[in-house]
Amino acid sequence: MLAAVAAAAIFVTKFTEYVKNEFNLRGRLVSLVAMGAGVAIAFGFGIEAFSVMLGDFGVAPEAWVDKVFTGLTIGAGAGFASDVAGR
């Protein structure tokens, strides 16, 4: 599951860079694009990383909450992946 989140973050990084360059976005708009794309991917592919990580502790968040937080994590990870790649 975490590999899916990492792969999604890499995809969101590329998508965000494309949108940023195409529409000349700066600042918070770039972050909003990344977060929105991350949430869309989490819902589209049914990625629920937090239920997997917290399941051992007996915590089971609602599916939509899990997907929103997973998507926000993917979007934030997109910035991290971009930094690691040196872009």
Protein backbone atom coordinates (compact mmCIF):
# COMPACT_ATOMS: atom_id res chain seq x y z
CA MET A 1 0.00 0.00 0.00
CA LEU A 2 2.78 2.42 0.85
CA ALA A 3 4.41 1.66 -2.48
CA ALA A 4 1.18 2.79 -4.16
CA VAL A 5 1.32 6.04 -2.20
CA ALA A 6 4.94 6.59 -3.25
CA ALA A 7 4.14 5.86 -6.90
CA ALA A 8 1.16 8.21 -6.75
CA ALA A 9 3.36 10.94 -5.24
CA ILE A 10 5.78 10.62 -8.14
CA PHE A 11 2.92 10.87 -10.63
CA VAL A 12 1.48 13.90 -8.83
CA THR A 13 4.94 15.51 -8.90
CA LYS A 14 5.11 15.20 -12.68
CA PHE A 15 1.52 16.34 -13.13
CA THR A 16 2.01 19.34 -10.84
CA GLU A 17 5.19 20.38 -12.62
CA TYR A 18 3.37 20.21 -15.94
CA VAL A 19 0.42 22.28 -14.70
CA LYS A 20 2.77 24.76 -12.98
CA ASN A 21 4.73 25.35 -16.17
CA GLU A 22 1.73 25.33 -18.50
CA PHE A 23 -0.29 27.87 -16.48
CA ASN A 24 2.63 29.75 -14.88
CA LEU A 25 1.45 29.01 -11.34
CA ARG A 26 3.37 30.05 -8.25
CA GLY A 27 3.20 29.76 -4.49
CA ARG A 28 0.18 28.27 -2.82
CA LEU A 29 -1.57 27.49 -6.07
CA VAL A 30 1.07 24.89 -6.84
CA SER A 31 0.47 23.27 -3.45
CA LEU A 32 -3.28 23.29 -4.00
CA VAL A 33 -2.86 21.60 -7.38
CA ALA A 34 -0.66 18.91 -5.80
CA MET A 35 -3.08 18.33 -2.91
CA GLY A 36 -6.10 18.22 -5.23
CA ALA A 37 -4.40 15.79 -7.58
CA GLY A 38 -3.38 13.62 -4.63
CA VAL A 39 -6.94 13.47 -3.28
CA ALA A 40 -8.30 12.73 -6.77
CA ILE A 41 -5.86 9.85 -7.18
CA ALA A 42 -6.63 8.46 -3.72
CA PHE A 43 -10.37 8.45 -4.50
CA GLY A 44 -9.92 7.25 -8.07
CA PHE A 45 -7.73 4.30 -7.17
CA GLY A 46 -9.23 3.59 -3.74
CA ILE A 47 -5.96 4.12 -1.88
CA GLU A 48 -6.56 4.00 1.88
CA ALA A 49 -3.14 4.04 3.53
CA PHE A 50 -4.17 5.19 6.99
CA SER A 51 -6.50 2.24 7.64
CA VAL A 52 -3.60 -0.07 6.78
CA MET A 53 -1.16 1.75 9.08
CA LEU A 54 -3.61 2.23 11.97
CA GLY A 55 -5.40 -1.12 11.70
CA ASP A 56 -3.01 -2.82 14.10
CA PHE A 57 -4.01 -0.30 16.75
CA GLY A 58 -7.72 -0.91 16.28
CA VAL A 59 -8.31 2.44 14.58
CA ALA A 60 -10.54 2.29 11.51
CA PRO A 61 -11.23 5.71 9.99
CA GLU A 62 -14.17 6.21 7.64
CA ALA A 63 -13.21 5.39 4.04
CA TRP A 64 -13.71 8.94 2.76
CA VAL A 65 -11.66 10.43 5.62
CA ASP A 66 -8.91 7.91 4.97
CA LYS A 67 -8.85 8.76 1.26
CA VAL A 68 -8.76 12.51 1.94
CA PHE A 69 -5.84 12.19 4.36
CA THR A 70 -4.08 9.74 2.06
CA GLY A 71 -4.56 12.15 -0.84
CA LEU A 72 -3.21 15.07 1.16
CA THR A 73 -0.21 12.93 2.09
CA ILE A 74 0.32 12.07 -1.57
CA GLY A 75 0.14 15.75 -2.48
CA ALA A 76 2.60 16.70 0.24
CA GLY A 77 4.82 13.80 -0.80
CA ALA A 78 4.87 15.19 -4.31
CA GLY A 79 6.79 18.21 -3.05
CA PHE A 80 9.17 15.94 -1.16
CA ALA A 81 9.72 13.74 -4.22
CA SER A 82 10.42 16.85 -6.27
CA ASP A 83 12.95 18.06 -3.71
CA VAL A 84 14.70 14.68 -3.65
CA ALA A 85 14.84 14.69 -7.46
CA GLY A 86 16.41 18.15 -7.29
CA ARG A 87 13.78 20.02 -9.29
